[in-house]
Amino acid sequence: MKYAIVTFGCRVNQADSFQFEEGLRLRGAVEAPLRSADLVIVNTCSVTGAADQNARRAIRGLSRDNPSARIVVTGCYATRRPDDLDQLPNVVKVVPNPQKDGLLRLVDEALDLRSRDQPGQGDGLCGGGVAPGAMGRTAYPLRVQTGCDHSCSFCIIPSTRGSSRSRQVGEIREEIERVVAAGYKELWLVGVHLGSFGRDLEPAASLTGLLRVLDRQPGDVTFRLSSLEPMDCSHDVVDLVARSGRFAPHFHLPLQHASDRVLRAMRRPYTFESYRVLVDQIHQRLPHASIGSDVIVGFPGESDQDVETMARAMEQMPFGYVHVFPYSDRPGTDAAVMAPKVNAALIKTRSRRLRDVAERLAGRFVASQIGSVRPGLTLDDGTVVLTDNFLKIRIPAGLPRNTRVRVRIDSPALDGTLER
């Protein structure tokens, strides 16, 4: 059987798709281009209306280009609106998130996809059969948690992912051992609400406790934290990243807005001042660290003054990058019925304003790193290095993917020279 996987959205979805990849290979399946695959798994996102539209467009395109493909759809859109997807051409099964861990078993039962030459296999965890380069990735996304118990007014994800659920530490360590044996050298810790890790376990655990365990993990492996809510980025987490050498100096801390009034309407449980203090502490402790953020533009009730407040706040922060997201109503959220709405043309203008600021901040961070030498890992064909502080530096050809190097950052264009 030939398969292909299409993944939309967050790194949790990427981690889930790695599990599908492993399970399919254990069944004797072979990766193939979309046009020739027998089975295509589409792992959807539903964070915005555009994400839903992208998934529908992709499925229609797949069925047109490969009429014999059997398409299985999963993810957040498949959970929120399964009927929308079940009616699309070539879709043979829709698997919501609560059944996602058993997706391949369900597909086996429905479509009898096991290779006749392969013994039966469980769904399993990703690892030994998927080496660096699978699905175009060099770093491995390690899902340690899923679900969310928060109720941000703009977010549909708690209803599509369910309540927070953490994996047992022993199970996580076993997966790390497998993927390190498969050749992975950098692992990304991912979760829908990563900072809530362990609160649901018995006995209770914590993200800090997990990081301390990983700090003692044997083998040539380093870790990078995925998105972490600012209220969960404790002094202990920052201190461990600063002291250990095992964790990348890279923090992605979604701000969403710099107006406390808008933050309250969003139901974000922090103030801008507390966020600013956290970022300043990280920058003082780790001046070379990459600190990234997300902001939302055009939330209901946002004023021109709120946008200027955001722009000034961003300019004052030591951000390495900022993702600017135009707000759009997500049916089923409280924000969708809030007023007054900001019209689409104004949202576009405000987004452009903040993206200009974000571009200057990214340039400023790169400029601060010119002349420095950073550890990193080669990606793709070996001509790009991802540094520990999240810069992609171009280097001459000659090294394979997944090689540890030290690279000097030579120019604002992100050219570099290898240090021996």
Protein backbone atom coordinates (compact mmCIF):
# COMPACT_ATOMS: atom_id res chain seq x y z
CA MET A 1 0.00 0.00 0.00
CA LYS A 2 1.18 3.51 -0.82
CA TYR A 3 0.30 6.34 1.55
CA ALA A 4 0.62 10.10 1.96
CA ILE A 5 -0.11 12.39 4.91
CA VAL A 6 -1.20 16.03 4.70
CA THR A 7 -0.90 17.99 7.96
CA PHE A 8 -2.42 21.37 8.75
CA GLY A 9 -2.02 23.51 11.84
CA CYS A 10 -0.07 23.16 15.05
CA ARG A 11 2.93 21.10 16.09
CA VAL A 12 0.62 18.81 18.05
CA ASN A 13 -0.92 17.82 14.72
CA GLN A 14 2.59 17.29 13.35
CA ALA A 15 3.38 14.99 16.26
CA ASP A 16 0.14 13.07 15.67
CA SER A 17 1.02 12.67 11.99
CA PHE A 18 4.38 11.19 12.97
CA GLN A 19 2.47 8.49 14.85
CA PHE A 20 0.45 7.73 11.74
CA GLU A 21 3.66 7.57 9.71
CA GLU A 22 5.21 5.07 12.09
CA GLY A 23 2.12 2.89 12.23
CA LEU A 24 1.78 2.80 8.45
CA ARG A 25 5.41 1.82 7.99
CA LEU A 26 5.02 -0.95 10.55
CA ARG A 27 2.19 -2.24 8.38
CA GLY A 28 4.49 -2.40 5.36
CA ALA A 29 3.14 0.74 3.71
CA VAL A 30 5.38 2.91 1.52
CA GLU A 31 5.32 6.71 1.33
CA ALA A 32 4.26 8.04 -2.06
CA PRO A 33 3.37 11.35 -3.76
CA LEU A 34 -0.20 12.51 -3.31
CA ARG A 35 -1.05 11.78 -6.94
CA SER A 36 -0.23 8.08 -6.59
CA ALA A 37 -1.06 7.25 -2.96
CA ASP A 38 -3.68 4.59 -2.21
CA LEU A 39 -4.43 6.11 1.20
CA VAL A 40 -4.20 9.79 2.13
CA ILE A 41 -4.62 10.95 5.73
CA VAL A 42 -5.56 14.63 6.04
CA ASN A 43 -4.91 15.95 9.56
CA THR A 44 -6.96 19.15 9.80
CA CYS A 45 -6.90 22.37 11.81
CA SER A 46 -9.92 24.48 12.71
CA VAL A 47 -8.43 27.47 14.50
CA THR A 48 -9.90 29.84 11.89
CA GLY A 49 -12.43 29.75 9.09
CA ALA A 50 -9.52 29.95 6.65
CA ALA A 51 -8.11 26.73 8.13
CA ASP A 52 -11.40 24.94 7.45
CA GLN A 53 -11.45 26.28 3.90
CA ASN A 54 -7.86 25.17 3.27
CA ALA A 55 -8.71 21.63 4.36
CA ARG A 56 -11.77 21.42 2.11
CA ARG A 57 -9.80 22.81 -0.84
CA ALA A 58 -7.00 20.31 -0.28
CA ILE A 59 -9.38 17.34 -0.13
CA ARG A 60 -11.18 18.38 -3.31
CA GLY A 61 -7.84 18.83 -5.05
CA LEU A 62 -6.66 15.40 -3.88
CA SER A 63 -9.78 13.68 -5.15
CA ARG A 64 -9.47 15.45 -8.51
CA ASP A 65 -5.77 14.67 -8.99
CA ASN A 66 -5.97 11.12 -7.61
CA PRO A 67 -9.51 9.75 -8.14
CA SER A 68 -8.64 6.32 -6.75
CA ALA A 69 -7.27 7.62 -3.42
CA ARG A 70 -9.09 6.73 -0.23
CA ILE A 71 -9.03 9.78 2.01
CA VAL A 72 -9.23 9.62 5.80
CA VAL A 73 -9.79 12.94 7.57
CA THR A 74 -8.97 13.66 11.21
CA GLY A 75 -8.03 16.61 13.42
CA CYS A 76 -9.91 19.58 14.82
CA TYR A 77 -12.09 20.33 11.80
CA ALA A 78 -13.05 16.65 11.63
CA THR A 79 -14.09 16.91 15.27
CA ARG A 80 -15.99 20.18 15.00
CA ARG A 81 -17.85 19.62 11.74
CA PRO A 82 -17.54 15.96 10.64
CA ASP A 83 -20.55 16.20 8.29
CA ASP A 84 -18.81 18.92 6.27
CA LEU A 85 -16.01 16.49 5.48
CA ASP A 86 -17.88 13.21 5.22
CA GLN A 87 -19.65 14.49 2.11
CA LEU A 88 -16.50 15.48 0.23
CA PRO A 89 -15.35 13.27 -2.66
CA ASN A 90 -13.19 10.22 -1.87
CA VAL A 91 -13.52 10.66 1.91
CA VAL A 92 -13.99 7.15 3.29
CA LYS A 93 -13.69 7.89 7.00
CA VAL A 94 -13.76 10.88 9.35
CA VAL A 95 -11.97 10.32 12.68
CA PRO A 96 -12.53 12.93 15.43
CA ASN A 97 -9.78 13.81 17.91
CA PRO A 98 -11.08 11.60 20.76
CA GLN A 99 -10.51 8.59 18.46
CA LYS A 100 -7.31 9.89 16.91
CA ASP A 101 -4.88 7.70 18.84
CA GLY A 102 -6.66 4.65 17.40
CA LEU A 103 -6.98 6.03 13.87
CA LEU A 104 -4.97 3.34 12.13
CA ARG A 105 -6.83 0.58 13.93
CA LEU A 106 -10.13 2.10 12.84
CA VAL A 107 -8.88 2.39 9.28
CA ASP A 108 -7.69 -1.22 9.37
CA GLU A 109 -11.13 -2.37 10.42
CA ALA A 110 -12.95 -0.25 7.85
CA LEU A 111 -10.67 -0.68 4.84
CA ASP A 112 -8.55 -3.79 5.55
CA LEU A 113 -5.35 -1.90 4.77
CA ARG A 114 -2.85 -4.21 6.44
CA SER A 115 -0.23 -5.63 4.15
CA ARG A 116 -0.79 -9.36 3.63
CA ASP A 117 2.93 -9.87 4.14
CA GLN A 118 3.12 -8.04 7.47
CA PRO A 119 2.15 -9.29 10.93
CA GLY A 120 -0.52 -7.31 12.77
CA GLN A 121 0.76 -4.26 14.59
CA GLY A 122 -0.80 -1.90 17.08
CA ASP A 123 -0.90 1.81 16.51
CA GLY A 124 2.28 2.25 18.52
CA LEU A 125 4.27 5.38 19.16
CA CYS A 126 6.42 7.02 16.57
CA GLY A 127 10.09 6.22 16.80
CA GLY A 128 12.25 3.41 15.56
CA GLY A 129 10.89 3.19 12.02
CA VAL A 130 10.89 6.92 11.21
CA ALA A 131 14.36 8.43 10.85
CA PRO A 132 15.22 12.13 10.57
CA GLY A 133 13.88 13.50 7.32
CA ALA A 134 10.48 11.83 7.59
CA MET A 135 7.75 14.24 6.50
CA GLY A 136 10.49 16.76 5.75
CA ARG A 137 11.45 17.25 9.39
CA THR A 138 14.84 16.97 11.07
CA ALA A 139 13.66 17.75 14.60
CA TYR A 140 11.14 15.40 16.17
CA PRO A 141 7.86 16.78 17.60
CA LEU A 142 7.31 14.96 20.90
CA ARG A 143 3.73 15.33 22.11
CA VAL A 144 3.62 15.25 25.90
CA GLN A 145 0.14 16.71 26.40
CA THR A 146 -3.06 17.50 24.54
CA GLY A 147 -6.31 19.31 25.30
CA CYS A 148 -6.91 22.55 27.18
CA ASP A 149 -8.92 23.58 30.25
CA HIS A 150 -8.74 27.31 29.55
CA SER A 151 -11.60 29.19 27.93
CA CYS A 152 -10.10 32.05 25.91
CA SER A 153 -13.07 33.78 24.32
CA PHE A 154 -11.69 33.53 20.77
CA CYS A 155 -10.56 29.90 20.81
CA ILE A 156 -12.46 26.82 19.65
CA ILE A 157 -9.69 24.36 20.50
CA PRO A 158 -10.92 23.27 23.98
CA SER A 159 -14.09 21.97 22.34
CA THR A 160 -12.18 20.14 19.58
CA ARG A 161 -9.30 18.79 21.68
CA GLY A 162 -11.10 18.25 24.98
CA SER A 163 -9.75 18.71 28.48
CA SER A 164 -6.04 18.66 29.28
CA ARG A 165 -4.52 15.17 29.20
CA SER A 166 -0.87 14.44 29.93
CA ARG A 167 1.26 11.43 29.10
CA GLN A 168 3.04 9.54 31.84
CA VAL A 169 6.68 10.53 32.29
CA GLY A 170 7.85 6.93 31.88
CA GLU A 171 6.03 6.65 28.55
CA ILE A 172 7.62 9.90 27.37
CA ARG A 173 11.08 8.65 28.30
CA GLU A 174 10.51 5.41 26.39
CA GLU A 175 9.57 7.35 23.27
CA ILE A 176 12.65 9.55 23.64
CA GLU A 177 14.83 6.46 23.79
CA ARG A 178 13.23 5.13 20.59
CA VAL A 179 13.58 8.34 18.59
CA VAL A 180 17.16 8.93 19.75
CA ALA A 181 17.96 5.37 18.65
CA ALA A 182 16.38 6.25 15.27
CA GLY A 183 18.85 9.13 14.95
CA TYR A 184 16.98 12.23 16.15
CA LYS A 185 19.15 14.79 17.95
CA GLU A 186 16.64 17.56 18.64
CA LEU A 187 13.18 17.02 20.10
CA TRP A 188 10.44 19.64 20.36
CA LEU A 189 8.17 19.32 23.39
CA VAL A 190 4.67 20.06 22.14
CA GLY A 191 1.21 20.24 23.64
CA VAL A 192 -2.04 22.12 23.15
CA HIS A 193 -1.44 23.69 26.57
CA LEU A 194 2.11 22.59 27.30
CA GLY A 195 2.35 24.46 30.60
CA SER A 196 -0.48 22.42 32.11
CA PHE A 197 1.52 19.21 31.75
CA GLY A 198 1.05 16.84 34.67
CA ARG A 199 -1.78 18.61 36.49
CA ASP A 200 -4.19 15.83 35.52
CA LEU A 201 -1.87 12.97 36.47
CA GLU A 202 -2.04 10.94 39.68
CA PRO A 203 0.14 11.78 41.47
CA ALA A 204 0.29 15.25 39.97
CA ALA A 205 3.37 16.28 38.01
CA SER A 206 4.52 19.53 36.41
CA LEU A 207 6.29 20.83 33.34
CA THR A 208 9.27 21.85 35.49
CA GLY A 209 9.48 18.33 36.87
CA LEU A 210 9.38 16.86 33.37
CA LEU A 211 12.14 19.21 32.22
CA ARG A 212 14.32 18.13 35.14
CA VAL A 213 13.85 14.50 34.09
CA LEU A 214 14.77 15.34 30.50
CA ASP A 215 17.82 17.27 31.68
CA ARG A 216 19.17 13.94 32.97
CA GLN A 217 18.24 11.99 29.83
CA PRO A 218 21.24 10.08 28.42
CA GLY A 219 22.24 10.32 24.78
CA ASP A 220 23.05 12.99 22.23
CA VAL A 221 19.74 14.83 22.36
CA THR A 222 18.63 18.38 23.06
CA PHE A 223 15.14 19.75 23.63
CA ARG A 224 13.22 22.80 22.48
CA LEU A 225 10.07 24.08 24.14
CA SER A 226 7.13 24.71 21.86
CA SER A 227 4.58 27.43 22.54
CA LEU A 228 4.26 28.17 26.27
CA GLU A 229 1.59 30.37 27.79
CA PRO A 230 3.17 33.30 29.67
CA MET A 231 1.48 32.43 32.98
CA ASP A 232 3.10 28.96 32.78
CA CYS A 233 6.65 30.15 32.09
CA SER A 234 7.90 30.11 35.67
CA HIS A 235 11.19 31.31 37.09
CA ASP A 236 12.16 27.64 37.53
CA VAL A 237 11.61 26.94 33.82
CA VAL A 238 13.70 29.95 32.78
CA ASP A 239 16.41 29.03 35.28
CA LEU A 240 16.61 25.45 34.03
CA VAL A 241 16.88 26.52 30.39
CA ALA A 242 19.60 29.02 31.34
CA ARG A 243 21.64 26.56 33.43
CA SER A 244 21.23 23.23 31.68
CA GLY A 245 22.65 23.49 28.19
CA ARG A 246 20.18 20.74 27.26
CA PHE A 247 17.38 23.12 26.25
CA ALA A 248 17.38 25.56 23.36
CA PRO A 249 17.36 29.26 24.40
CA HIS A 250 14.08 29.80 22.58
CA PHE A 251 10.77 30.84 24.14
CA HIS A 252 7.54 31.24 22.21
CA LEU A 253 5.19 33.18 24.50
CA PRO A 254 1.85 34.22 22.94
CA LEU A 255 0.98 37.77 24.02
CA GLN A 256 -2.19 38.17 21.89
CA HIS A 257 -2.57 41.84 22.85
CA ALA A 258 -0.88 44.65 24.78
CA SER A 259 -4.14 46.30 25.87
CA ASP A 260 -5.28 44.97 29.24
CA ARG A 261 -8.86 45.80 28.29
CA VAL A 262 -8.62 43.59 25.21
CA LEU A 263 -6.81 40.87 27.16
CA ARG A 264 -9.71 40.76 29.64
CA ALA A 265 -12.19 40.48 26.77
CA MET A 266 -10.08 37.65 25.38
CA ARG A 267 -10.07 36.04 28.85
CA ARG A 268 -6.31 35.84 28.93
CA PRO A 269 -5.20 35.35 32.57
CA TYR A 270 -2.35 37.90 32.74
CA THR A 271 -1.69 41.59 32.23
CA PHE A 272 0.66 43.17 29.75
CA GLU A 273 2.87 44.35 32.60
CA SER A 274 3.32 40.82 33.95
CA TYR A 275 4.15 39.66 30.43
CA ARG A 276 6.69 42.45 29.98
CA VAL A 277 8.39 41.60 33.28
CA LEU A 278 8.67 37.93 32.22
CA VAL A 279 10.21 38.79 28.85
CA ASP A 280 12.65 41.21 30.48
CA GLN A 281 13.72 38.52 32.94
CA ILE A 282 14.37 36.04 30.14
CA HIS A 283 16.30 38.61 28.13
CA GLN A 284 18.44 39.59 31.10
CA ARG A 285 19.23 35.96 31.91
CA LEU A 286 19.63 34.82 28.29
CA PRO A 287 20.42 37.87 26.12
CA HIS A 288 21.01 35.66 23.07
CA ALA A 289 17.68 33.82 23.41
CA SER A 290 15.04 34.01 20.72
CA ILE A 291 11.76 35.22 22.22
CA GLY A 292 8.80 34.94 19.87
CA SER A 293 5.15 35.81 20.22
CA ASP A 294 1.69 35.80 18.63
CA VAL A 295 -0.64 38.78 18.51
CA ILE A 296 -4.24 39.07 17.31
CA VAL A 297 -5.40 42.14 15.39
CA GLY A 298 -9.00 43.27 15.05
CA PHE A 299 -10.55 41.58 18.09
CA PRO A 300 -14.12 42.87 18.68
CA GLY A 301 -14.02 46.28 20.34
CA GLU A 302 -10.37 46.95 19.47
CA SER A 303 -9.72 50.65 18.89
CA ASP A 304 -7.10 52.53 16.92
CA GLN A 305 -5.51 53.45 20.24
CA ASP A 306 -5.32 49.77 21.22
CA VAL A 307 -3.39 49.05 18.03
CA GLU A 308 -0.98 51.91 18.69
CA THR A 309 -0.52 50.59 22.22
CA MET A 310 0.33 47.22 20.72
CA ALA A 311 2.77 48.69 18.20
CA ARG A 312 4.62 50.69 20.88
CA ALA A 313 4.72 47.71 23.20
CA MET A 314 6.16 45.46 20.50
CA GLU A 315 8.84 48.02 19.65
CA GLN A 316 10.00 48.01 23.27
CA MET A 317 10.25 44.23 23.57
CA PRO A 318 13.33 42.13 22.70
CA PHE A 319 11.34 39.93 20.32
CA GLY A 320 13.10 37.82 17.71
CA TYR A 321 9.89 37.36 15.75
CA VAL A 322 6.16 38.04 16.07
CA HIS A 323 3.33 36.28 14.23
CA VAL A 324 0.45 38.68 13.49
CA PHE A 325 -2.97 37.03 13.14
CA PRO A 326 -5.99 38.94 11.81
CA TYR A 327 -9.01 38.15 13.95
CA SER A 328 -11.90 36.28 12.36
CA ASP A 329 -15.06 35.02 14.06
CA ARG A 330 -14.97 31.35 14.97
CA PRO A 331 -18.57 30.07 15.35
CA GLY A 332 -19.06 28.48 18.74
CA THR A 333 -16.78 30.89 20.60
CA ASP A 334 -17.90 33.72 22.87
CA ALA A 335 -15.94 36.25 20.83
CA ALA A 336 -18.03 35.44 17.76
CA VAL A 337 -21.04 37.22 19.32
CA MET A 338 -19.09 40.13 20.80
CA ALA A 339 -19.51 43.65 19.43
CA PRO A 340 -18.57 46.00 17.97
CA LYS A 341 -16.86 44.18 15.14
CA VAL A 342 -13.84 45.66 13.38
CA ASN A 343 -14.41 45.74 9.63
CA ALA A 344 -12.23 43.59 7.41
CA ALA A 345 -10.53 46.48 5.60
CA LEU A 346 -9.47 48.05 8.89
CA ILE A 347 -8.20 44.72 10.20
CA LYS A 348 -6.07 44.40 7.06
CA THR A 349 -4.63 47.91 7.56
CA ARG A 350 -3.88 47.28 11.24
CA SER A 351 -2.29 43.91 10.45
CA ARG A 352 0.02 45.55 7.93
CA ARG A 353 1.01 48.13 10.54
CA LEU A 354 1.98 45.47 13.07
CA ARG A 355 3.67 43.24 10.51
CA ASP A 356 5.92 46.16 9.62
CA VAL A 357 6.87 46.40 13.29
CA ALA A 358 7.43 42.62 13.46
CA GLU A 359 9.72 42.78 10.43
CA ARG A 360 11.86 45.46 12.08
CA LEU A 361 12.06 43.44 15.27
CA ALA A 362 13.22 40.34 13.39
CA GLY A 363 15.90 42.42 11.65
CA ARG A 364 17.00 43.90 14.96
CA PHE A 365 17.39 40.45 16.51
CA VAL A 366 19.42 39.16 13.58
CA ALA A 367 21.64 42.25 13.73
CA SER A 368 22.29 41.56 17.42
CA GLN A 369 23.55 38.09 16.55
CA ILE A 370 25.97 38.98 13.72
CA GLY A 371 29.46 37.83 14.61
CA SER A 372 28.27 35.37 17.25
CA VAL A 373 28.88 31.63 17.03
CA ARG A 374 25.89 29.42 17.82
CA PRO A 375 25.40 25.66 18.02
CA GLY A 376 22.89 24.25 15.60
CA LEU A 377 21.67 21.35 13.49
CA THR A 378 21.75 21.04 9.70
CA LEU A 379 18.37 20.79 7.97
CA ASP A 380 17.07 19.72 4.56
CA ASP A 381 20.00 19.16 2.18
CA GLY A 382 22.58 20.28 4.74
CA THR A 383 22.89 23.85 3.48
CA VAL A 384 20.77 25.35 6.29
CA VAL A 385 21.53 25.35 10.01
CA LEU A 386 18.85 25.86 12.62
CA THR A 387 20.65 27.52 15.52
CA ASP A 388 19.75 26.94 19.13
CA ASN A 389 18.23 30.43 19.18
CA PHE A 390 15.99 29.71 16.20
CA LEU A 391 17.77 31.34 13.28
CA LYS A 392 18.09 29.57 9.93
CA ILE A 393 21.60 30.21 8.64
CA ARG A 394 22.73 29.34 5.12
CA ILE A 395 26.06 27.53 4.81
CA PRO A 396 27.98 25.96 1.88
CA ALA A 397 27.01 22.45 0.82
CA GLY A 398 28.96 19.47 2.11
CA LEU A 399 27.23 18.19 5.23
CA PRO A 400 24.26 15.83 5.51
CA ARG A 401 21.04 16.67 7.29
CA ASN A 402 20.99 16.24 11.09
CA THR A 403 24.65 17.12 11.74
CA ARG A 404 25.58 19.09 14.84
CA VAL A 405 27.68 22.14 14.00
CA ARG A 406 28.78 25.51 15.29
CA VAL A 407 28.10 28.36 12.91
CA ARG A 408 29.20 31.98 12.87
CA ILE A 409 26.46 34.36 11.76
CA ASP A 410 28.05 36.60 9.16
CA SER A 411 25.39 38.89 7.71
CA PRO A 412 21.85 40.26 8.01
CA ALA A 413 20.99 37.98 5.07
CA LEU A 414 21.59 35.02 7.46
CA ASP A 415 24.70 33.70 5.74
CA GLY A 416 27.10 31.83 7.95
CA THR A 417 30.48 30.13 8.25
CA LEU A 418 31.09 26.83 9.98
CA GLU A 419 33.44 26.91 12.97
CA ARG A 420 35.58 23.83 13.34
